[in-house]
Protein backbone atom coordinates (compact mmCIF):
# COMPACT_ATOMS: atom_id res chain seq x y z
CA MET A 1 0.34 0.25 0.16
CA GLY A 2 0.93 3.56 -1.04
CA VAL A 3 1.21 6.26 0.97
CA THR A 4 -2.11 8.22 2.15
CA PRO A 5 -2.82 10.85 1.05
CA MET A 6 -2.74 14.16 2.85
CA SER A 7 -6.02 16.20 3.68
CA GLY A 8 -5.58 19.13 0.55
CA GLU A 9 -3.75 17.47 -1.61
CA ARG A 10 -4.85 16.90 -5.44
CA VAL A 11 -5.45 12.66 -7.10
CA THR A 12 -6.66 11.65 -9.77
CA VAL A 13 -9.23 8.28 -9.01
CA GLU A 14 -11.06 5.75 -10.84
CA VAL A 15 -15.01 5.81 -9.99
CA THR A 16 -16.25 2.77 -9.46
CA ASP A 17 -19.74 2.44 -7.13
CA LEU A 18 -21.88 4.40 -5.39
CA ALA A 19 -22.29 4.61 -1.45
CA PHE A 20 -25.69 4.54 -0.24
CA ASP A 21 -25.63 7.82 1.23
CA GLY A 22 -24.88 8.77 -3.05
CA LYS A 23 -21.17 9.31 -2.42
CA ALA A 24 -18.96 7.95 -5.33
CA VAL A 25 -16.30 5.08 -4.92
CA GLY A 26 -12.73 4.63 -5.92
CA SER A 27 -9.48 3.82 -4.26
CA ILE A 28 -5.63 5.32 -3.88
CA ASP A 29 -3.71 2.96 -3.17
CA GLY A 30 -5.84 -0.04 -2.09
CA LYS A 31 -7.86 2.35 0.48
CA VAL A 32 -10.91 3.40 0.21
CA ILE A 33 -11.87 6.84 -1.13
CA PHE A 34 -16.06 8.07 -0.96
CA LEU A 35 -16.00 11.17 -3.04
CA LYS A 36 -18.26 14.04 -3.69
CA GLY A 37 -19.45 14.47 -6.97
CA GLY A 38 -18.39 12.15 -9.24
CA LEU A 39 -20.07 8.72 -11.58
CA PRO A 40 -19.24 4.75 -12.06
CA GLY A 41 -16.65 4.60 -14.53
CA GLU A 42 -15.05 7.91 -14.74
CA THR A 43 -11.68 9.54 -13.94
CA VAL A 44 -11.97 12.57 -11.50
CA VAL A 45 -9.64 14.32 -10.10
CA ALA A 46 -10.22 14.86 -6.51
CA GLU A 47 -9.49 17.14 -3.14
CA ILE A 48 -9.19 14.71 -0.01
CA THR A 49 -11.48 17.36 2.39
CA ARG A 50 -10.16 14.25 5.20
CA THR A 51 -8.00 11.14 5.56
CA LYS A 52 -8.67 8.59 8.91
CA ALA A 53 -7.18 5.33 8.94
CA ARG A 54 -9.60 2.47 7.47
CA TYR A 55 -10.83 5.34 4.25
CA CYS A 56 -10.73 8.52 2.49
CA GLN A 57 -12.54 12.01 1.65
CA GLY A 58 -12.25 14.26 -0.88
CA ILE A 59 -14.59 16.29 -3.19
CA VAL A 60 -14.31 15.75 -7.08
CA ARG A 61 -12.62 19.27 -8.99
CA GLU A 62 -11.59 17.79 -12.22
CA ILE A 63 -13.31 14.94 -14.61
CA LEU A 64 -11.09 14.58 -16.62
CA ILE A 65 -13.04 11.38 -18.46
CA ALA A 66 -17.34 11.35 -18.21
CA SER A 67 -19.20 9.07 -17.83
CA PRO A 68 -22.01 7.99 -20.21
CA GLU A 69 -24.60 7.93 -17.83
CA ARG A 70 -23.48 11.32 -17.02
CA GLN A 71 -26.38 14.57 -18.12
CA SER A 72 -26.75 17.91 -17.37
CA PRO A 73 -29.20 18.23 -13.44
CA ARG A 74 -31.87 20.21 -14.16
CA CYS A 75 -31.41 22.61 -11.27
CA THR A 76 -29.49 24.96 -10.64
CA HIS A 77 -29.00 24.51 -7.06
CA PHE A 78 -27.24 20.76 -7.53
CA GLY A 79 -23.98 20.40 -5.99
CA VAL A 80 -24.93 22.95 -3.14
CA CYS A 81 -28.44 20.49 -1.46
CA GLY A 82 -28.44 18.35 -0.18
CA GLY A 83 -31.70 16.23 -1.78
CA CYS A 84 -30.94 15.15 -5.23
CA THR A 85 -27.73 13.69 -5.36
CA TRP A 86 -28.48 11.84 -7.73
CA GLN A 87 -29.76 14.14 -10.69
CA ASP A 88 -26.51 13.81 -12.93
CA LEU A 89 -27.00 9.88 -13.14
CA ALA A 90 -29.17 8.63 -16.33
CA TYR A 91 -32.35 7.34 -14.57
CA ALA A 92 -32.16 3.45 -15.55
CA GLU A 93 -28.83 4.44 -13.66
CA GLN A 94 -30.15 5.38 -10.91
CA LEU A 95 -32.75 2.54 -11.03
CA ARG A 96 -29.23 -0.61 -11.28
CA PHE A 97 -27.85 1.21 -7.79
CA LYS A 98 -30.87 1.50 -6.43
CA LYS A 99 -31.44 -2.29 -7.02
CA LYS A 100 -27.41 -2.99 -6.23
CA GLN A 101 -27.49 -1.02 -2.88
CA VAL A 102 -30.97 -3.56 -1.42
CA VAL A 103 -28.81 -7.31 -3.54
CA ASP A 104 -25.90 -5.31 -0.98
CA CYS A 105 -27.96 -5.42 2.17
CA LEU A 106 -29.00 -8.49 2.18
CA GLU A 107 -25.80 -10.36 0.86
CA ARG A 108 -23.49 -8.00 3.59
CA LEU A 109 -26.18 -7.21 6.28
CA GLY A 110 -28.46 -10.00 6.34
CA GLN A 111 -26.45 -12.61 4.81
CA PHE A 112 -29.19 -14.59 2.05
CA GLU A 113 -27.28 -15.71 -0.38
CA SER A 114 -28.32 -14.82 -3.50
CA PRO A 115 -31.13 -13.47 -2.42
CA THR A 116 -34.48 -13.20 -5.94
CA VAL A 117 -34.57 -9.46 -5.95
CA ARG A 118 -37.27 -7.36 -8.62
CA ASP A 119 -36.30 -4.58 -10.97
CA VAL A 120 -37.16 -1.65 -9.40
CA VAL A 121 -40.64 -0.51 -10.12
CA PRO A 122 -39.44 2.55 -11.18
CA CYS A 123 -41.38 6.00 -11.05
CA ASP A 124 -43.50 7.65 -13.64
CA THR A 125 -43.15 11.11 -13.30
CA LEU A 126 -39.27 12.25 -12.04
CA PHE A 127 -39.83 15.79 -11.02
CA PHE A 128 -42.33 17.96 -9.03
CA TYR A 129 -43.33 14.18 -7.13
CA ARG A 130 -42.80 15.76 -3.93
CA ASN A 131 -46.50 16.78 -1.66
CA LYS A 132 -44.50 17.64 1.01
CA MET A 133 -41.43 20.08 1.42
CA GLU A 134 -40.46 21.95 4.63
CA PHE A 135 -38.15 24.69 4.02
CA SER A 136 -35.13 26.51 6.81
CA PHE A 137 -34.84 29.78 8.08
CA HIS A 138 -31.61 30.34 8.87
CA VAL A 139 -29.87 33.54 10.17
CA SER A 140 -26.48 34.65 7.39
CA ASP A 141 -23.65 37.01 8.31
CA GLY A 142 -24.45 40.53 8.97
CA GLU A 143 -28.01 41.62 8.72
CA GLY A 144 -30.11 38.92 6.66
CA PHE A 145 -31.26 35.08 6.56
CA THR A 146 -32.02 32.71 3.91
CA LEU A 147 -35.31 30.35 3.10
CA GLY A 148 -34.21 27.31 1.69
CA LEU A 149 -32.85 24.13 2.03
CA HIS A 150 -30.04 22.07 3.78
CA GLU A 151 -26.80 22.51 1.81
CA ARG A 152 -25.19 19.17 1.75
CA ASN A 153 -23.72 17.34 4.15
CA SER A 154 -24.61 20.32 6.81
CA PHE A 155 -26.47 20.39 9.46
CA ASP A 156 -26.30 24.24 10.18
CA ASP A 157 -26.24 25.41 6.62
CA ILE A 158 -29.25 26.82 4.42
CA PHE A 159 -28.88 28.08 0.79
CA ASP A 160 -31.65 31.02 0.00
CA LEU A 161 -33.93 28.49 -2.71
CA LYS A 162 -35.09 29.35 -6.41
CA ALA A 163 -36.66 27.02 -7.40
CA CYS A 164 -36.52 23.64 -6.80
CA TYR A 165 -38.36 20.87 -8.91
CA LEU A 166 -39.10 18.09 -6.82
CA GLU A 167 -42.45 19.43 -4.94
CA SER A 168 -44.95 22.22 -7.31
CA GLU A 169 -43.82 25.18 -8.86
CA ALA A 170 -47.15 26.66 -6.49
CA SER A 171 -44.41 25.99 -3.59
CA ASN A 172 -41.54 28.29 -4.89
CA ALA A 173 -44.11 31.16 -5.72
CA ILE A 174 -45.09 30.71 -1.20
CA VAL A 175 -41.71 30.61 -0.64
CA SER A 176 -40.69 33.30 -1.77
CA PHE A 177 -43.36 35.19 -1.21
CA VAL A 178 -43.01 34.86 2.68
CA ARG A 179 -39.87 35.25 2.79
CA GLN A 180 -39.91 38.76 0.81
CA PHE A 181 -43.13 39.33 3.29
CA VAL A 182 -40.50 37.94 6.34
CA LYS A 183 -37.91 40.93 4.63
CA ASP A 184 -40.30 43.42 4.94
CA LYS A 185 -42.23 43.80 7.86
CA GLY A 186 -38.29 42.58 9.67
CA VAL A 187 -39.82 39.75 11.26
CA PRO A 188 -37.09 38.55 13.29
CA VAL A 189 -34.84 34.91 12.05
CA TYR A 190 -34.61 32.17 14.43
CA ASP A 191 -30.86 30.80 15.25
CA ILE A 192 -29.80 28.29 15.57
CA ARG A 193 -26.87 28.83 17.42
CA ASN A 194 -27.81 31.24 20.33
CA HIS A 195 -31.39 30.32 19.97
CA THR A 196 -32.92 33.78 19.57
CA GLY A 197 -35.50 35.12 16.87
CA TYR A 198 -39.27 33.12 15.37
CA MET A 199 -39.32 32.24 11.69
CA ARG A 200 -38.19 29.09 11.90
CA PHE A 201 -39.49 26.69 8.77
CA LEU A 202 -41.68 26.64 6.07
CA MET A 203 -44.15 23.69 5.74
CA ILE A 204 -46.04 23.19 2.26
CA ARG A 205 -48.02 20.35 1.48
CA GLU A 206 -50.11 19.75 -0.91
CA GLY A 207 -52.89 17.14 -2.31
CA LYS A 208 -51.56 16.13 -5.65
CA ARG A 209 -55.29 14.54 -6.44
CA THR A 210 -56.52 16.63 -4.96
CA GLY A 211 -54.99 20.58 -5.67
CA GLN A 212 -55.14 21.67 -2.17
CA ILE A 213 -52.31 23.29 -0.23
CA MET A 214 -51.36 23.20 3.41
CA VAL A 215 -48.87 26.34 4.69
CA ASN A 216 -47.34 25.65 8.06
CA ILE A 217 -45.47 27.89 9.39
CA ILE A 218 -43.06 27.25 12.69
CA THR A 219 -41.51 29.70 14.96
CA ASN A 220 -39.95 30.12 18.53
CA TYR A 221 -43.50 31.35 20.52
CA GLY A 222 -45.14 33.61 20.57
CA GLU A 223 -48.05 35.22 17.42
CA ILE A 224 -46.76 36.16 14.05
CA PRO A 225 -46.46 39.75 13.94
CA HIS A 226 -48.44 41.29 11.02
CA GLU A 227 -50.39 37.87 11.35
CA GLU A 228 -53.87 39.06 9.31
CA GLU A 229 -52.01 40.30 7.05
CA LEU A 230 -49.80 37.28 5.85
CA VAL A 231 -52.56 35.40 5.95
CA GLU A 232 -54.60 37.84 3.83
CA GLY A 233 -51.59 37.98 1.11
CA LEU A 234 -50.74 34.83 0.72
CA THR A 235 -54.80 33.31 0.14
CA HIS A 236 -54.72 36.53 -1.95
CA ALA A 237 -51.83 35.65 -4.46
CA PHE A 238 -52.96 31.77 -4.05
CA PRO A 239 -56.00 30.58 -4.65
CA SER A 240 -55.51 27.27 -4.09
CA ILE A 241 -54.60 27.99 -0.32
CA ALA A 242 -56.39 25.03 1.82
CA THR A 243 -55.06 26.19 4.68
CA ILE A 244 -53.03 27.89 6.76
CA ILE A 245 -51.22 26.36 9.94
CA HIS A 246 -49.03 28.50 12.88
CA ASN A 247 -46.74 26.42 14.71
CA GLN A 248 -45.10 26.61 17.97
CA ASN A 249 -41.70 25.07 19.00
CA GLY A 250 -39.17 26.79 21.60
CA LYS A 251 -37.42 23.45 22.17
CA LYS A 252 -33.76 23.48 21.32
CA ALA A 253 -34.12 20.67 18.77
CA ASN A 254 -34.31 22.14 15.74
CA ILE A 255 -37.07 19.73 13.93
CA ALA A 256 -39.95 21.42 11.63
CA PHE A 257 -42.72 20.07 14.84
CA GLY A 258 -44.71 22.40 17.58
CA GLU A 259 -45.88 22.24 21.09
CA ILE A 260 -49.09 25.14 20.31
CA GLU A 261 -50.63 24.34 16.98
CA ARG A 262 -53.18 26.93 15.51
CA VAL A 263 -55.09 27.33 12.78
CA LEU A 264 -54.85 30.48 11.02
CA PHE A 265 -57.16 29.83 7.81
CA GLY A 266 -59.76 26.76 6.51
CA ASN A 267 -59.78 23.21 8.71
CA GLY A 268 -56.56 22.73 9.32
CA TRP A 269 -56.20 19.62 7.32
CA ILE A 270 -56.04 18.50 3.52
CA GLU A 271 -56.33 15.90 1.06
CA GLU A 272 -55.84 13.26 -0.70
CA GLU A 273 -56.99 10.37 -2.98
CA ILE A 274 -55.22 6.57 -2.71
CA LEU A 275 -57.04 3.36 -4.90
CA GLY A 276 -60.27 5.51 -4.08
CA CYS A 277 -59.77 6.57 -0.82
CA ARG A 278 -60.30 9.78 -0.30
CA PHE A 279 -57.60 10.65 2.57
CA ARG A 280 -57.53 13.52 5.43
CA ILE A 281 -53.75 15.54 6.38
CA ARG A 282 -52.37 17.34 8.87
CA ALA A 283 -49.88 19.33 9.75
CA ASN A 284 -47.78 16.30 12.00
CA SER A 285 -49.75 13.72 9.89
CA PHE A 286 -47.50 10.94 8.51
CA PHE A 287 -48.33 10.89 4.58
CA GLN A 288 -46.32 8.91 1.47
CA THR A 289 -44.34 11.57 0.35
CA ASN A 290 -45.16 10.03 -2.65
CA PRO A 291 -48.90 9.58 -3.65
CA THR A 292 -48.52 8.27 -7.31
CA GLN A 293 -46.37 5.86 -6.46
CA ALA A 294 -47.38 5.10 -3.10
CA GLU A 295 -50.51 4.10 -5.31
CA ARG A 296 -47.56 1.44 -7.64
CA LEU A 297 -45.78 0.66 -3.22
CA PHE A 298 -49.71 -0.38 -1.88
CA THR A 299 -50.87 -2.68 -4.85
CA THR A 300 -47.30 -4.71 -5.60
CA ALA A 301 -47.18 -5.48 -1.21
CA PHE A 302 -51.06 -6.45 -1.81
CA ASP A 303 -50.05 -8.97 -4.87
CA LEU A 304 -47.37 -9.94 -3.18
CA LEU A 305 -50.29 -11.42 -0.55
CA GLY A 306 -52.39 -13.20 -2.94
CA ASP A 307 -55.65 -13.69 -2.08
CA VAL A 308 -56.45 -12.09 1.95
CA THR A 309 -60.49 -12.89 1.97
CA GLY A 310 -61.95 -13.11 5.22
CA ALA A 311 -58.41 -12.52 6.77
CA LYS A 312 -57.77 -10.93 10.47
CA VAL A 313 -54.62 -7.99 9.56
CA LEU A 314 -52.77 -6.52 12.50
CA ASP A 315 -50.95 -2.95 10.67
CA LEU A 316 -47.85 -2.19 13.40
CA TYR A 317 -46.66 2.06 12.63
CA CYS A 318 -50.54 2.29 10.91
CA GLY A 319 -49.74 5.64 10.93
CA THR A 320 -52.80 7.66 9.45
CA GLY A 321 -54.25 4.30 8.37
CA SER A 322 -53.53 4.07 4.87
CA ILE A 323 -52.47 1.03 3.82
CA GLY A 324 -55.24 -1.07 6.80
CA LEU A 325 -58.26 0.92 5.38
CA LEU A 326 -56.79 -0.07 1.58
CA LEU A 327 -56.53 -4.05 2.62
CA ALA A 328 -59.63 -3.72 4.45
CA ARG A 329 -61.47 -3.89 1.33
CA ARG A 330 -60.47 -7.85 1.21
CA VAL A 331 -59.94 -8.41 4.52
CA SER A 332 -62.42 -8.92 6.97
CA ARG A 333 -60.51 -7.06 9.80
CA VAL A 334 -58.11 -4.73 10.25
CA VAL A 335 -56.43 -3.72 13.75
CA GLY A 336 -54.03 -0.30 13.23
CA VAL A 337 -51.72 0.46 16.08
CA GLU A 338 -49.76 3.57 15.78
CA LEU A 339 -47.71 5.44 18.38
CA VAL A 340 -48.73 9.33 17.22
CA VAL A 341 -51.99 9.94 18.64
CA ASP A 342 -52.57 12.62 15.91
CA ALA A 343 -52.07 10.14 13.52
CA ILE A 344 -54.79 7.83 15.05
CA GLU A 345 -56.91 10.34 14.94
CA ALA A 346 -57.22 11.38 11.30
CA ALA A 347 -56.67 7.48 10.69
CA ARG A 348 -60.56 7.15 12.82
CA GLU A 349 -61.10 9.84 10.61
CA ASN A 350 -60.13 8.51 7.18
CA ALA A 351 -61.83 5.67 8.12
CA GLU A 352 -64.92 7.15 8.72
CA ARG A 353 -64.83 9.78 6.14
CA ASN A 354 -64.74 6.42 3.99
CA GLY A 355 -67.75 4.46 4.92
CA ILE A 356 -64.91 1.71 6.55
CA GLY A 357 -65.93 0.44 9.39
CA ASN A 358 -64.28 -3.22 10.27
CA ILE A 359 -60.79 -1.23 10.55
CA GLU A 360 -60.24 -0.23 14.40
CA PHE A 361 -57.12 1.85 15.74
CA PHE A 362 -54.59 2.21 18.95
CA ALA A 363 -52.45 4.83 20.18
CA GLY A 364 -49.16 3.16 21.83
CA ASP A 365 -46.07 1.19 21.42
CA VAL A 366 -46.03 -1.13 18.69
CA LYS A 367 -44.42 -3.48 20.61
CA GLY A 368 -45.97 -2.40 24.41
CA TYR A 369 -49.22 -3.87 21.91
CA LEU A 370 -47.75 -7.46 20.77
CA GLU A 371 -46.96 -7.65 24.52
CA THR A 372 -49.96 -7.18 25.79
CA THR A 373 -52.57 -8.01 23.60
CA VAL A 374 -52.57 -10.06 20.78
CA ALA A 375 -52.35 -12.86 22.62
CA GLU A 376 -56.32 -12.15 23.30
CA GLU A 377 -56.63 -12.01 19.22
CA PRO A 378 -54.64 -14.10 16.21
CA PHE A 379 -53.92 -12.40 13.24
CA ASP A 380 -53.11 -14.58 9.60
CA ILE A 381 -51.93 -10.92 8.77
CA VAL A 382 -49.53 -9.44 10.50
CA VAL A 383 -48.20 -6.15 7.94
CA LEU A 384 -44.66 -3.76 9.25
CA ASP A 385 -43.81 -0.06 8.34
CA PRO A 386 -41.72 0.95 10.44
CA PRO A 387 -39.74 4.00 10.44
CA ARG A 388 -36.08 3.58 9.52
CA ALA A 389 -34.76 2.75 12.60
CA GLY A 390 -36.22 -0.69 12.01
CA LEU A 391 -38.17 -2.98 14.44
CA HIS A 392 -37.28 -3.02 18.03
CA PRO A 393 -35.60 -6.00 18.95
CA LYS A 394 -38.41 -6.02 21.42
CA ALA A 395 -41.10 -6.44 18.87
CA ILE A 396 -39.41 -9.12 16.76
CA LYS A 397 -39.44 -10.72 19.91
CA ARG A 398 -42.70 -11.32 20.85
CA LEU A 399 -43.63 -10.80 17.01
CA LEU A 400 -41.91 -15.21 16.57
CA PHE A 401 -42.88 -15.65 20.06
CA ILE A 402 -47.28 -15.21 18.15
CA LYS A 403 -46.10 -16.31 14.57
CA PRO A 404 -48.62 -14.25 12.37
CA PRO A 405 -49.33 -16.95 9.51
CA THR A 406 -47.55 -14.17 7.05
CA VAL A 407 -46.28 -10.90 7.59
CA LEU A 408 -45.84 -8.55 5.04
CA TYR A 409 -42.31 -6.21 5.29
CA ILE A 410 -42.45 -2.07 3.95
CA SER A 411 -39.51 -0.67 3.86
CA CYS A 412 -38.02 2.61 3.39
CA ASN A 413 -34.90 1.29 4.43
CA PRO A 414 -32.81 -1.68 2.29
CA ALA A 415 -30.17 -2.15 5.37
CA THR A 416 -32.52 -1.92 8.65
CA PHE A 417 -35.06 -3.84 6.40
CA ALA A 418 -32.28 -6.82 5.12
CA ARG A 419 -31.63 -7.30 9.41
CA ASP A 420 -35.05 -8.07 10.41
CA ALA A 421 -35.13 -10.23 7.85
CA ARG A 422 -32.07 -12.40 8.83
CA LEU A 423 -34.10 -12.48 12.39
CA LEU A 424 -37.30 -13.36 11.12
CA VAL A 425 -36.10 -16.32 8.64
CA ASP A 426 -34.05 -17.25 11.41
CA GLY A 427 -37.01 -17.54 13.61
CA GLY A 428 -38.97 -19.37 10.92
CA TYR A 429 -39.87 -18.13 8.57
CA ALA A 430 -39.56 -18.32 4.66
CA ILE A 431 -38.96 -14.56 2.86
CA SER A 432 -40.22 -14.54 -0.89
CA GLU A 433 -39.38 -12.58 -3.75
CA VAL A 434 -37.88 -8.03 -2.43
CA VAL A 435 -39.50 -5.60 -4.08
CA PRO A 436 -37.32 -2.78 -4.82
CA VAL A 437 -39.80 0.65 -5.29
CA ASP A 438 -38.49 4.00 -6.03
CA MET A 439 -39.84 6.69 -4.53
CA PHE A 440 -37.46 9.45 -4.62
CA PRO A 441 -35.51 9.65 -8.12
CA HIS A 442 -33.20 11.62 -8.15
CA THR A 443 -32.00 9.86 -4.52
CA MET A 444 -30.24 7.35 -3.28
CA HIS A 445 -33.84 6.02 -1.22
CA ILE A 446 -35.54 2.90 -2.14
CA GLU A 447 -38.66 1.34 -0.84
CA VAL A 448 -39.06 -2.28 -0.27
CA ALA A 449 -41.95 -4.93 0.18
CA SER A 450 -41.52 -8.60 0.89
CA CYS A 451 -43.79 -11.43 2.13
CA PHE A 452 -42.63 -13.58 5.06
CA ARG A 453 -45.02 -16.64 6.13
CA ARG A 454 -44.30 -19.84 7.69
CA SER A 455 -41.90 -22.59 6.90
């Protein structure tokens, strides 16, 4: 092995792969290097930014030989923004590397030999597919501020957004309107370093099928200065706005979530349609961010189940109830469990609104529910759609104890899915083929669905 390059040194690197976080991967004298920029098949000049014992990090400064799969990114913020890390890679290649990511996780983390993984279910809409975006306020040098998105690999650097191609043109215009209003009225912006100021986040949610828009303004404690003028200006400029909400968050944790919520305009919710069901979405409710592709994800998952007539289903981590409500039309009974109380209230509203009576929802911890309640009523199918961290070890242990005949697992994280899949298989289940579904083009994120049956 050669001499390890020092920080600031420039080296020539052949890019061979893409990492799970979107970085390019190469090697220098046998040591792995992770690069910001660069695509597989390219030869680049990279500047070393960090040297560790087992790897280096760097930034691509020049492309000597470009990949034939390289394309011009549509967004002017590409390279700075932390969102679309693969917008310069042809979409077919994005899908190929996403499938490779799923296979690698199953083989390396799950210890599966030659797992059966389908080709990725592609997304037909490559831009303007999101129904939710969070934009951050940030105190900049001097007297100014920015309102936009996080810079790549940065916790506290926010760039001023000109246009994002993920949500909608209307959301871009709303961001510009609010930025100008805050500037004109001199409303102080929150400083995350010394925890002073007022404006913290702007969240915009949309019903892609209904055309309804929600504007959620997250601030420090206190009423919004010139509140009536802001509401009147927004609703006049954007007639599609169905509701405006003010959430107050005075905690140091820098999250777009409110302790105190007040509706300034409208009913406090918007609606979306998926597979014939109409869902009510509130400011802090979880809902699939790409509704069109969510239909493909759910349809794919239900196809893996096969005929479920007469089945009793336990829907864990049910959120606002989308999966359970859609399944309820095919089965005899569904019980949904979710920790977030607001989400359970929304799920019950959605059940009533769609006239679905064979479903119940319970607010509580999943592992606690499995330990105390499930023994009273056996279920034929357990549906899992956990957060990125996957299943709690105690939840898996209890699931293996109650031995439901079928487990349908939907995951947004191939790594934790592979870990949990190994535990289920070791506990007596057989895994079906794994189906990746691309919910977020131009990013490294991929969802997977698979069915486990008692062997």
